[in-house]
Amino acid sequence: MGAEPLSYAPSRAILSLGCLGKAHMAVTTFASPPWWRIAVALIVVPLVASFAFAVYSPAYQGLPDMMERVVQTTAVVAFFGAYPPTVVLGIPLIVYFRGRARASLANCAMAGASVATFPWFCLTIFFGPDKAYTNDHITYQNGMMTWWGLLEAVELLTEIAVFGIAAGGLFWLIAAAGIKNQPPSKKVFE
């Protein structure tokens, strides 16, 4: 007969010693969406976010037709900028936080912004040209980012974060909307 924990705080695990020195850990779990809804969201959301970004900023690839530019930009953004971060960062975050955090709109939006922005943040900070300029302003000089380059990087990352927030909201709408707000359950693992 061991000591019982005094409280089950959702943010921390509480250890109590059992009768034979076993450690019991109380873990708070939250309601989480079914896997099929998560899978549908993981397929649909990056494609929709890529399309939205392509409409906002279509690349000119020598194509005179605007629709063709949007379609080509969607494909490039989806397969190089949306699906890889979703697979490399998004799926591990879902696996880790499933049951540990509520699938609320705010949590999904912030996770979406993080997943969308992190790869571009790394590319902007750790990799850069020797010399570059934008609109007659030097952004890189001697391999170092200038203040104007920092401003351009912050603007780019902010745009990407906004699309990530929208994608996280769409993920919540597809995967987690309608999940009953059940009180957290307390499970004891031995």
N, C-alpha and C. Protein backbone atom coordinates (compact mmCIF):
# COMPACT_ATOMS: atom_id res chain seq x y z
N MET A 1 0.85 -1.18 0.00
CA MET A 1 0.00 0.00 0.00
C MET A 1 0.89 1.22 0.00
N GLY A 2 0.85 1.92 -1.08
CA GLY A 2 1.73 3.08 -1.25
C GLY A 2 0.98 4.38 -1.05
N ALA A 3 1.74 5.42 -1.11
CA ALA A 3 1.16 6.74 -0.96
C ALA A 3 0.43 7.11 -2.25
N GLU A 4 -0.73 7.68 -2.11
CA GLU A 4 -1.51 8.11 -3.27
C GLU A 4 -1.12 9.54 -3.61
N PRO A 5 -1.12 9.89 -4.87
CA PRO A 5 -0.79 11.26 -5.24
C PRO A 5 -1.87 12.22 -4.74
N LEU A 6 -1.44 13.45 -4.46
CA LEU A 6 -2.36 14.44 -3.92
C LEU A 6 -3.21 15.09 -5.00
N SER A 7 -2.66 15.25 -6.19
CA SER A 7 -3.43 15.89 -7.26
C SER A 7 -2.99 15.32 -8.60
N TYR A 8 -3.84 15.48 -9.56
CA TYR A 8 -3.54 15.06 -10.92
C TYR A 8 -3.50 16.31 -11.79
N ALA A 9 -2.41 17.01 -11.76
CA ALA A 9 -2.28 18.21 -12.57
C ALA A 9 -2.03 17.80 -14.02
N PRO A 10 -2.75 18.39 -14.98
CA PRO A 10 -2.58 17.98 -16.36
C PRO A 10 -1.19 18.25 -16.90
N SER A 11 -0.47 19.21 -16.33
CA SER A 11 0.81 19.59 -16.91
C SER A 11 1.98 18.78 -16.38
N ARG A 12 1.78 17.96 -15.38
CA ARG A 12 2.92 17.20 -14.86
C ARG A 12 2.48 15.80 -14.42
N ALA A 13 3.42 14.93 -14.50
CA ALA A 13 3.16 13.56 -14.06
C ALA A 13 3.53 13.46 -12.58
N ILE A 14 2.77 12.67 -11.83
CA ILE A 14 3.00 12.54 -10.40
C ILE A 14 3.39 11.10 -10.12
N LEU A 15 4.47 10.95 -9.43
CA LEU A 15 4.95 9.61 -9.10
C LEU A 15 4.55 9.24 -7.68
N SER A 16 4.18 8.00 -7.50
CA SER A 16 3.95 7.50 -6.16
C SER A 16 4.54 6.10 -6.08
N LEU A 17 5.04 5.74 -4.95
CA LEU A 17 5.65 4.43 -4.79
C LEU A 17 4.59 3.42 -4.38
N GLY A 18 4.58 2.31 -5.08
CA GLY A 18 3.63 1.24 -4.79
C GLY A 18 4.15 0.36 -3.67
N CYS A 19 3.48 -0.77 -3.44
CA CYS A 19 3.79 -1.63 -2.30
C CYS A 19 5.16 -2.30 -2.43
N LEU A 20 5.61 -2.64 -3.61
CA LEU A 20 6.90 -3.30 -3.75
C LEU A 20 7.94 -2.41 -4.40
N GLY A 21 7.81 -1.14 -4.22
CA GLY A 21 8.78 -0.21 -4.77
C GLY A 21 8.53 0.13 -6.23
N LYS A 22 7.40 -0.31 -6.79
CA LYS A 22 7.08 0.05 -8.16
C LYS A 22 6.70 1.52 -8.21
N ALA A 23 7.08 2.16 -9.27
CA ALA A 23 6.71 3.56 -9.45
C ALA A 23 5.47 3.62 -10.32
N HIS A 24 4.45 4.30 -9.85
CA HIS A 24 3.23 4.51 -10.62
C HIS A 24 3.26 5.95 -11.11
N MET A 25 2.92 6.15 -12.36
CA MET A 25 2.91 7.49 -12.89
C MET A 25 1.50 7.82 -13.38
N ALA A 26 0.92 8.86 -12.81
CA ALA A 26 -0.39 9.30 -13.25
C ALA A 26 -0.22 10.19 -14.46
N VAL A 27 -0.92 9.88 -15.54
CA VAL A 27 -0.82 10.63 -16.77
C VAL A 27 -2.20 11.13 -17.14
N THR A 28 -2.29 12.39 -17.46
CA THR A 28 -3.55 12.95 -17.90
C THR A 28 -3.62 12.86 -19.40
N THR A 29 -4.71 12.30 -19.93
CA THR A 29 -4.89 12.21 -21.37
C THR A 29 -6.12 12.99 -21.78
N PHE A 30 -6.09 13.51 -22.98
CA PHE A 30 -7.18 14.30 -23.51
C PHE A 30 -7.82 13.57 -24.68
N ALA A 31 -9.05 13.92 -24.96
CA ALA A 31 -9.74 13.32 -26.10
C ALA A 31 -9.00 13.69 -27.37
N SER A 32 -8.80 12.72 -28.26
CA SER A 32 -8.10 13.00 -29.51
C SER A 32 -8.93 12.47 -30.68
N PRO A 33 -8.74 13.07 -31.84
CA PRO A 33 -9.53 12.66 -33.00
C PRO A 33 -9.14 11.27 -33.48
N PRO A 34 -10.03 10.61 -34.22
CA PRO A 34 -9.69 9.29 -34.76
C PRO A 34 -8.60 9.40 -35.82
N TRP A 35 -7.87 8.32 -36.02
CA TRP A 35 -6.74 8.31 -36.95
C TRP A 35 -7.16 8.59 -38.37
N TRP A 36 -8.35 8.13 -38.78
CA TRP A 36 -8.76 8.34 -40.17
C TRP A 36 -8.96 9.81 -40.47
N ARG A 37 -9.46 10.59 -39.50
CA ARG A 37 -9.62 12.04 -39.71
C ARG A 37 -8.27 12.73 -39.78
N ILE A 38 -7.32 12.27 -38.96
CA ILE A 38 -5.97 12.83 -38.99
C ILE A 38 -5.32 12.53 -40.35
N ALA A 39 -5.49 11.31 -40.85
CA ALA A 39 -4.90 10.94 -42.14
C ALA A 39 -5.48 11.78 -43.29
N VAL A 40 -6.79 11.99 -43.28
CA VAL A 40 -7.41 12.82 -44.31
C VAL A 40 -6.87 14.24 -44.23
N ALA A 41 -6.75 14.77 -43.02
CA ALA A 41 -6.23 16.13 -42.84
C ALA A 41 -4.78 16.23 -43.31
N LEU A 42 -3.98 15.21 -43.04
CA LEU A 42 -2.58 15.24 -43.47
C LEU A 42 -2.43 15.19 -44.99
N ILE A 43 -3.41 14.65 -45.67
CA ILE A 43 -3.37 14.61 -47.13
C ILE A 43 -3.92 15.90 -47.73
N VAL A 44 -5.02 16.39 -47.20
CA VAL A 44 -5.73 17.52 -47.80
C VAL A 44 -5.10 18.87 -47.45
N VAL A 45 -4.72 19.07 -46.20
CA VAL A 45 -4.29 20.39 -45.73
C VAL A 45 -3.05 20.91 -46.46
N PRO A 46 -1.97 20.13 -46.63
CA PRO A 46 -0.82 20.68 -47.35
C PRO A 46 -1.15 21.09 -48.79
N LEU A 47 -2.03 20.34 -49.44
CA LEU A 47 -2.40 20.67 -50.81
C LEU A 47 -3.21 21.97 -50.87
N VAL A 48 -4.15 22.13 -49.96
CA VAL A 48 -4.96 23.36 -49.93
C VAL A 48 -4.09 24.56 -49.57
N ALA A 49 -3.18 24.39 -48.61
CA ALA A 49 -2.28 25.49 -48.24
C ALA A 49 -1.36 25.85 -49.40
N SER A 50 -0.89 24.87 -50.14
CA SER A 50 -0.04 25.13 -51.31
C SER A 50 -0.82 25.89 -52.37
N PHE A 51 -2.06 25.50 -52.59
CA PHE A 51 -2.90 26.20 -53.56
C PHE A 51 -3.13 27.65 -53.13
N ALA A 52 -3.41 27.86 -51.85
CA ALA A 52 -3.64 29.22 -51.35
C ALA A 52 -2.39 30.07 -51.52
N PHE A 53 -1.22 29.50 -51.23
CA PHE A 53 0.03 30.25 -51.40
C PHE A 53 0.28 30.53 -52.87
N ALA A 54 -0.04 29.58 -53.75
CA ALA A 54 0.16 29.77 -55.19
C ALA A 54 -0.76 30.87 -55.73
N VAL A 55 -1.97 30.97 -55.22
CA VAL A 55 -2.86 32.04 -55.64
C VAL A 55 -2.33 33.38 -55.14
N TYR A 56 -1.81 33.40 -53.92
CA TYR A 56 -1.26 34.63 -53.33
C TYR A 56 0.01 35.07 -54.04
N SER A 57 0.88 34.13 -54.37
CA SER A 57 2.17 34.47 -54.95
C SER A 57 2.56 33.46 -56.03
N PRO A 58 1.93 33.54 -57.22
CA PRO A 58 2.27 32.58 -58.27
C PRO A 58 3.65 32.87 -58.85
N ALA A 59 4.40 31.82 -59.10
CA ALA A 59 5.72 31.98 -59.70
C ALA A 59 5.56 32.15 -61.20
N TYR A 60 6.41 32.96 -61.76
CA TYR A 60 6.40 33.12 -63.22
C TYR A 60 7.44 32.18 -63.79
N GLN A 61 6.97 31.18 -64.50
CA GLN A 61 7.87 30.19 -65.07
C GLN A 61 7.82 30.24 -66.58
N GLY A 62 7.67 31.43 -67.13
CA GLY A 62 7.57 31.58 -68.57
C GLY A 62 6.20 31.20 -69.10
N LEU A 63 5.23 31.09 -68.21
CA LEU A 63 3.88 30.69 -68.60
C LEU A 63 2.98 31.93 -68.66
N PRO A 64 2.37 32.20 -69.81
CA PRO A 64 1.54 33.41 -69.92
C PRO A 64 0.18 33.28 -69.25
N ASP A 65 -0.35 32.06 -69.13
CA ASP A 65 -1.67 31.85 -68.57
C ASP A 65 -1.59 31.82 -67.04
N MET A 66 -2.40 32.63 -66.39
CA MET A 66 -2.37 32.73 -64.93
C MET A 66 -2.76 31.41 -64.26
N MET A 67 -3.75 30.71 -64.80
CA MET A 67 -4.18 29.44 -64.21
C MET A 67 -3.06 28.42 -64.25
N GLU A 68 -2.36 28.36 -65.36
CA GLU A 68 -1.24 27.42 -65.47
C GLU A 68 -0.13 27.77 -64.48
N ARG A 69 0.11 29.06 -64.28
CA ARG A 69 1.11 29.49 -63.29
C ARG A 69 0.71 29.04 -61.89
N VAL A 70 -0.58 29.18 -61.54
CA VAL A 70 -1.06 28.77 -60.22
C VAL A 70 -0.94 27.26 -60.04
N VAL A 71 -1.30 26.51 -61.07
CA VAL A 71 -1.23 25.05 -60.99
C VAL A 71 0.23 24.59 -60.83
N GLN A 72 1.13 25.14 -61.63
CA GLN A 72 2.55 24.76 -61.54
C GLN A 72 3.14 25.18 -60.19
N THR A 73 2.79 26.36 -59.70
CA THR A 73 3.29 26.82 -58.39
C THR A 73 2.74 25.94 -57.28
N THR A 74 1.47 25.54 -57.38
CA THR A 74 0.88 24.66 -56.38
C THR A 74 1.65 23.35 -56.30
N ALA A 75 1.97 22.78 -57.45
CA ALA A 75 2.71 21.51 -57.47
C ALA A 75 4.09 21.66 -56.83
N VAL A 76 4.79 22.73 -57.17
CA VAL A 76 6.14 22.93 -56.62
C VAL A 76 6.08 23.17 -55.12
N VAL A 77 5.18 24.04 -54.69
CA VAL A 77 5.07 24.35 -53.26
C VAL A 77 4.62 23.11 -52.48
N ALA A 78 3.69 22.35 -53.04
CA ALA A 78 3.18 21.17 -52.33
C ALA A 78 4.27 20.12 -52.16
N PHE A 79 4.98 19.80 -53.22
CA PHE A 79 5.92 18.68 -53.15
C PHE A 79 7.30 19.04 -52.62
N PHE A 80 7.61 20.35 -52.57
CA PHE A 80 8.90 20.74 -52.00
C PHE A 80 8.76 21.55 -50.71
N GLY A 81 7.61 22.21 -50.50
CA GLY A 81 7.49 23.08 -49.34
C GLY A 81 6.40 22.71 -48.36
N ALA A 82 5.48 21.83 -48.72
CA ALA A 82 4.37 21.53 -47.81
C ALA A 82 4.40 20.09 -47.31
N TYR A 83 4.47 19.13 -48.21
CA TYR A 83 4.44 17.73 -47.78
C TYR A 83 5.69 17.30 -47.02
N PRO A 84 6.91 17.68 -47.43
CA PRO A 84 8.08 17.26 -46.63
C PRO A 84 8.05 17.74 -45.18
N PRO A 85 7.75 19.03 -44.89
CA PRO A 85 7.66 19.42 -43.48
C PRO A 85 6.52 18.71 -42.75
N THR A 86 5.43 18.42 -43.47
CA THR A 86 4.32 17.71 -42.84
C THR A 86 4.76 16.31 -42.41
N VAL A 87 5.50 15.64 -43.28
CA VAL A 87 5.95 14.28 -42.96
C VAL A 87 7.05 14.30 -41.90
N VAL A 88 8.03 15.19 -42.05
CA VAL A 88 9.19 15.20 -41.16
C VAL A 88 8.88 15.82 -39.80
N LEU A 89 8.07 16.87 -39.77
CA LEU A 89 7.79 17.56 -38.51
C LEU A 89 6.36 17.34 -38.01
N GLY A 90 5.39 17.40 -38.90
CA GLY A 90 3.99 17.34 -38.49
C GLY A 90 3.57 16.01 -37.92
N ILE A 91 3.91 14.93 -38.60
CA ILE A 91 3.50 13.60 -38.12
C ILE A 91 4.14 13.28 -36.76
N PRO A 92 5.45 13.52 -36.56
CA PRO A 92 5.98 13.28 -35.20
C PRO A 92 5.33 14.16 -34.13
N LEU A 93 4.97 15.40 -34.47
CA LEU A 93 4.27 16.25 -33.49
C LEU A 93 2.90 15.67 -33.15
N ILE A 94 2.20 15.17 -34.15
CA ILE A 94 0.89 14.58 -33.90
C ILE A 94 1.02 13.35 -33.01
N VAL A 95 1.98 12.50 -33.33
CA VAL A 95 2.19 11.28 -32.54
C VAL A 95 2.56 11.64 -31.10
N TYR A 96 3.42 12.63 -30.93
CA TYR A 96 3.86 13.00 -29.59
C TYR A 96 2.73 13.66 -28.78
N PHE A 97 2.01 14.59 -29.38
CA PHE A 97 1.02 15.36 -28.63
C PHE A 97 -0.36 14.70 -28.58
N ARG A 98 -0.57 13.64 -29.33
CA ARG A 98 -1.89 12.99 -29.32
C ARG A 98 -2.17 12.45 -27.93
N GLY A 99 -3.23 12.93 -27.32
CA GLY A 99 -3.60 12.53 -25.98
C GLY A 99 -2.91 13.32 -24.89
N ARG A 100 -1.83 14.03 -25.22
CA ARG A 100 -1.11 14.82 -24.21
C ARG A 100 -1.56 16.27 -24.18
N ALA A 101 -2.10 16.74 -25.29
CA ALA A 101 -2.57 18.13 -25.37
C ALA A 101 -3.92 18.13 -26.06
N ARG A 102 -4.73 19.11 -25.73
CA ARG A 102 -6.04 19.22 -26.37
C ARG A 102 -5.87 19.57 -27.84
N ALA A 103 -6.71 19.03 -28.67
CA ALA A 103 -6.69 19.35 -30.10
C ALA A 103 -7.56 20.57 -30.33
N SER A 104 -7.16 21.69 -29.75
CA SER A 104 -7.94 22.92 -29.88
C SER A 104 -7.52 23.67 -31.14
N LEU A 105 -8.32 24.64 -31.52
CA LEU A 105 -8.01 25.45 -32.69
C LEU A 105 -6.70 26.19 -32.50
N ALA A 106 -6.48 26.74 -31.32
CA ALA A 106 -5.24 27.48 -31.07
C ALA A 106 -4.01 26.56 -31.14
N ASN A 107 -4.10 25.37 -30.55
CA ASN A 107 -2.97 24.44 -30.60
C ASN A 107 -2.68 24.00 -32.02
N CYS A 108 -3.71 23.69 -32.79
CA CYS A 108 -3.50 23.28 -34.18
C CYS A 108 -2.93 24.41 -35.02
N ALA A 109 -3.40 25.64 -34.80
CA ALA A 109 -2.91 26.79 -35.56
C ALA A 109 -1.44 27.06 -35.25
N MET A 110 -1.06 26.98 -33.98
CA MET A 110 0.34 27.23 -33.64
C MET A 110 1.25 26.11 -34.13
N ALA A 111 0.77 24.88 -34.09
CA ALA A 111 1.56 23.77 -34.63
C ALA A 111 1.70 23.93 -36.14
N GLY A 112 0.64 24.35 -36.82
CA GLY A 112 0.72 24.59 -38.25
C GLY A 112 1.72 25.68 -38.60
N ALA A 113 1.72 26.75 -37.84
CA ALA A 113 2.69 27.83 -38.08
C ALA A 113 4.11 27.34 -37.84
N SER A 114 4.32 26.55 -36.82
CA SER A 114 5.66 26.03 -36.52
C SER A 114 6.15 25.08 -37.61
N VAL A 115 5.28 24.17 -38.03
CA VAL A 115 5.67 23.20 -39.05
C VAL A 115 5.95 23.90 -40.38
N ALA A 116 5.16 24.90 -40.72
CA ALA A 116 5.36 25.60 -41.99
C ALA A 116 6.60 26.49 -41.96
N THR A 117 6.88 27.12 -40.84
CA THR A 117 7.94 28.12 -40.77
C THR A 117 9.31 27.54 -40.49
N PHE A 118 9.42 26.47 -39.71
CA PHE A 118 10.71 25.97 -39.26
C PHE A 118 11.69 25.67 -40.40
N PRO A 119 11.29 24.95 -41.45
CA PRO A 119 12.28 24.68 -42.52
C PRO A 119 12.78 25.95 -43.20
N TRP A 120 11.88 26.90 -43.43
CA TRP A 120 12.28 28.14 -44.09
C TRP A 120 13.12 29.00 -43.16
N PHE A 121 12.85 28.93 -41.87
CA PHE A 121 13.69 29.62 -40.89
C PHE A 121 15.11 29.08 -40.95
N CYS A 122 15.24 27.76 -40.98
CA CYS A 122 16.58 27.15 -41.06
C CYS A 122 17.29 27.52 -42.35
N LEU A 123 16.57 27.50 -43.47
CA LEU A 123 17.18 27.88 -44.75
C LEU A 123 17.62 29.34 -44.75
N THR A 124 16.81 30.20 -44.17
CA THR A 124 17.12 31.62 -44.17
C THR A 124 18.29 31.94 -43.25
N ILE A 125 18.34 31.31 -42.10
CA ILE A 125 19.38 31.63 -41.13
C ILE A 125 20.71 30.96 -41.46
N PHE A 126 20.67 29.68 -41.84
CA PHE A 126 21.92 28.93 -41.98
C PHE A 126 22.48 28.91 -43.38
N PHE A 127 21.68 29.20 -44.38
CA PHE A 127 22.17 29.17 -45.76
C PHE A 127 21.84 30.49 -46.43
N GLY A 128 22.80 31.05 -47.11
CA GLY A 128 22.58 32.30 -47.82
C GLY A 128 23.65 32.48 -48.88
N PRO A 129 23.38 33.33 -49.84
CA PRO A 129 24.36 33.58 -50.89
C PRO A 129 25.51 34.45 -50.39
N ASP A 130 26.53 34.57 -51.22
CA ASP A 130 27.65 35.43 -50.86
C ASP A 130 27.24 36.90 -50.98
N LYS A 131 26.47 37.21 -52.01
CA LYS A 131 25.99 38.58 -52.19
C LYS A 131 24.64 38.53 -52.88
N ALA A 132 23.69 39.32 -52.38
CA ALA A 132 22.35 39.39 -52.98
C ALA A 132 21.74 40.74 -52.67
N TYR A 133 20.79 41.12 -53.50
CA TYR A 133 20.07 42.37 -53.26
C TYR A 133 18.62 42.23 -53.73
N THR A 134 17.75 43.07 -53.15
CA THR A 134 16.34 43.13 -53.50
C THR A 134 15.94 44.59 -53.60
N ASN A 135 15.40 44.97 -54.75
CA ASN A 135 14.95 46.35 -54.96
C ASN A 135 16.03 47.37 -54.59
N ASP A 136 17.22 47.16 -55.08
CA ASP A 136 18.37 48.06 -54.85
C ASP A 136 18.81 48.13 -53.39
N HIS A 137 18.41 47.16 -52.58
CA HIS A 137 18.86 47.07 -51.20
C HIS A 137 19.68 45.79 -51.05
N ILE A 138 20.85 45.89 -50.48
CA ILE A 138 21.71 44.73 -50.31
C ILE A 138 21.17 43.89 -49.15
N THR A 139 20.89 42.61 -49.43
CA THR A 139 20.37 41.72 -48.40
C THR A 139 21.45 40.81 -47.84
N TYR A 140 22.42 40.46 -48.65
CA TYR A 140 23.58 39.67 -48.22
C TYR A 140 24.83 40.34 -48.75
N GLN A 141 25.83 40.46 -47.89
CA GLN A 141 27.11 41.02 -48.32
C GLN A 141 28.22 40.23 -47.64
N ASN A 142 29.14 39.73 -48.44
CA ASN A 142 30.25 38.90 -47.94
C ASN A 142 29.73 37.68 -47.17
N GLY A 143 28.63 37.11 -47.63
CA GLY A 143 28.08 35.92 -46.99
C GLY A 143 27.30 36.18 -45.72
N MET A 144 27.16 37.42 -45.32
CA MET A 144 26.45 37.77 -44.09
C MET A 144 25.16 38.52 -44.43
N MET A 145 24.11 38.24 -43.66
CA MET A 145 22.84 38.91 -43.86
C MET A 145 22.92 40.32 -43.31
N THR A 146 22.41 41.28 -44.08
CA THR A 146 22.37 42.67 -43.64
C THR A 146 21.06 42.93 -42.91
N TRP A 147 20.90 44.15 -42.39
CA TRP A 147 19.66 44.50 -41.72
C TRP A 147 18.48 44.43 -42.68
N TRP A 148 18.72 44.85 -43.92
CA TRP A 148 17.65 44.78 -44.91
C TRP A 148 17.32 43.31 -45.21
N GLY A 149 18.33 42.46 -45.24
CA GLY A 149 18.10 41.03 -45.44
C GLY A 149 17.31 40.43 -44.29
N LEU A 150 17.60 40.88 -43.08
CA LEU A 150 16.84 40.41 -41.91
C LEU A 150 15.38 40.84 -42.03
N LEU A 151 15.15 42.06 -42.47
CA LEU A 151 13.78 42.54 -42.66
C LEU A 151 13.06 41.71 -43.72
N GLU A 152 13.75 41.40 -44.82
CA GLU A 152 13.16 40.56 -45.87
C GLU A 152 12.87 39.15 -45.33
N ALA A 153 13.78 38.61 -44.53
CA ALA A 153 13.59 37.27 -43.97
C ALA A 153 12.40 37.25 -43.01
N VAL A 154 12.28 38.26 -42.18
CA VAL A 154 11.14 38.33 -41.25
C VAL A 154 9.83 38.46 -42.02
N GLU A 155 9.83 39.23 -43.10
CA GLU A 155 8.62 39.36 -43.91
C GLU A 155 8.24 38.02 -44.55
N LEU A 156 9.22 37.31 -45.09
CA LEU A 156 8.96 36.01 -45.69
C LEU A 156 8.44 35.01 -44.65
N LEU A 157 9.10 34.95 -43.50
CA LEU A 157 8.68 34.01 -42.46
C LEU A 157 7.31 34.35 -41.89
N THR A 158 6.98 35.63 -41.84
CA THR A 158 5.66 36.04 -41.37
C THR A 158 4.58 35.60 -42.36
N GLU A 159 4.84 35.77 -43.65
CA GLU A 159 3.88 35.31 -44.65
C GLU A 159 3.67 33.80 -44.55
N ILE A 160 4.76 33.07 -44.41
CA ILE A 160 4.66 31.62 -44.30
C ILE A 160 3.93 31.22 -43.02
N ALA A 161 4.20 31.92 -41.93
CA ALA A 161 3.52 31.62 -40.66
C ALA A 161 2.02 31.87 -40.76
N VAL A 162 1.61 32.91 -41.47
CA VAL A 162 0.18 33.19 -41.64
C VAL A 162 -0.49 32.04 -42.40
N PHE A 163 0.16 31.57 -43.46
CA PHE A 163 -0.40 30.43 -44.19
C PHE A 163 -0.36 29.17 -43.32
N GLY A 164 0.65 29.03 -42.47
CA GLY A 164 0.70 27.90 -41.54
C GLY A 164 -0.40 27.94 -40.50
N ILE A 165 -0.72 29.14 -40.02
CA ILE A 165 -1.82 29.29 -39.06
C ILE A 165 -3.14 28.90 -39.73
N ALA A 166 -3.34 29.36 -40.97
CA ALA A 166 -4.56 29.00 -41.69
C ALA A 166 -4.61 27.49 -41.94
N ALA A 167 -3.46 26.90 -42.28
CA ALA A 167 -3.42 25.45 -42.50
C ALA A 167 -3.70 24.69 -41.21
N GLY A 168 -3.18 25.18 -40.10
CA GLY A 168 -3.48 24.55 -38.80
C GLY A 168 -4.96 24.65 -38.46
N GLY A 169 -5.58 25.79 -38.79
CA GLY A 169 -7.02 25.93 -38.59
C GLY A 169 -7.81 24.96 -39.45
N LEU A 170 -7.38 24.79 -40.70
CA LEU A 170 -8.03 23.82 -41.57
C LEU A 170 -7.81 22.40 -41.08
N PHE A 171 -6.61 22.11 -40.56
CA PHE A 171 -6.35 20.80 -39.97
C PHE A 171 -7.31 20.54 -38.81
N TRP A 172 -7.48 21.52 -37.96
CA TRP A 172 -8.41 21.38 -36.83
C TRP A 172 -9.83 21.13 -37.34
N LEU A 173 -10.23 21.89 -38.38
CA LEU A 173 -11.57 21.75 -38.92
C LEU A 173 -11.81 20.34 -39.46
N ILE A 174 -10.82 19.77 -40.14
CA ILE A 174 -10.97 18.44 -40.72
C ILE A 174 -10.79 17.36 -39.65
N ALA A 175 -9.76 17.48 -38.83
CA ALA A 175 -9.39 16.38 -37.94
C ALA A 175 -10.04 16.46 -36.56
N ALA A 176 -10.18 17.64 -36.00
CA ALA A 176 -10.53 17.71 -34.58
C ALA A 176 -11.82 18.44 -34.27
N ALA A 177 -12.42 19.12 -35.21
CA ALA A 177 -13.67 19.83 -34.91
C ALA A 177 -14.75 18.82 -34.57
N GLY A 178 -15.48 19.11 -33.54
CA GLY A 178 -16.56 18.23 -33.13
C GLY A 178 -16.16 17.17 -32.13
N ILE A 179 -14.88 17.07 -31.82
CA ILE A 179 -14.44 16.13 -30.79
C ILE A 179 -14.96 16.69 -29.47
N LYS A 180 -15.67 15.87 -28.74
CA LYS A 180 -16.26 16.33 -27.49
C LYS A 180 -15.18 16.78 -26.52
N ASN A 181 -15.43 17.89 -25.87
CA ASN A 181 -14.52 18.39 -24.85
C ASN A 181 -14.76 17.61 -23.57
N GLN A 182 -14.23 16.41 -23.54
CA GLN A 182 -14.37 15.58 -22.37
C GLN A 182 -13.37 16.05 -21.32
N PRO A 183 -13.70 15.88 -20.05
CA PRO A 183 -12.69 16.21 -19.06
C PRO A 183 -11.52 15.25 -19.20
N PRO A 184 -10.34 15.69 -18.88
CA PRO A 184 -9.19 14.81 -19.02
C PRO A 184 -9.34 13.57 -18.19
N SER A 185 -8.97 12.44 -18.76
CA SER A 185 -9.03 11.18 -18.01
C SER A 185 -7.70 10.95 -17.34
N LYS A 186 -7.74 10.26 -16.22
CA LYS A 186 -6.52 9.98 -15.47
C LYS A 186 -6.23 8.49 -15.58
N LYS A 187 -5.10 8.17 -16.17
CA LYS A 187 -4.70 6.78 -16.30
C LYS A 187 -3.41 6.58 -15.52
N VAL A 188 -3.31 5.44 -14.93
CA VAL A 188 -2.09 5.11 -14.18
C VAL A 188 -1.40 3.97 -14.90
N PHE A 189 -0.18 4.23 -15.35
CA PHE A 189 0.60 3.20 -16.02
C PHE A 189 1.57 2.60 -15.02
N GLU A 190 1.73 1.30 -15.07
CA GLU A 190 2.66 0.65 -14.16
C GLU A 190 3.90 0.24 -14.92
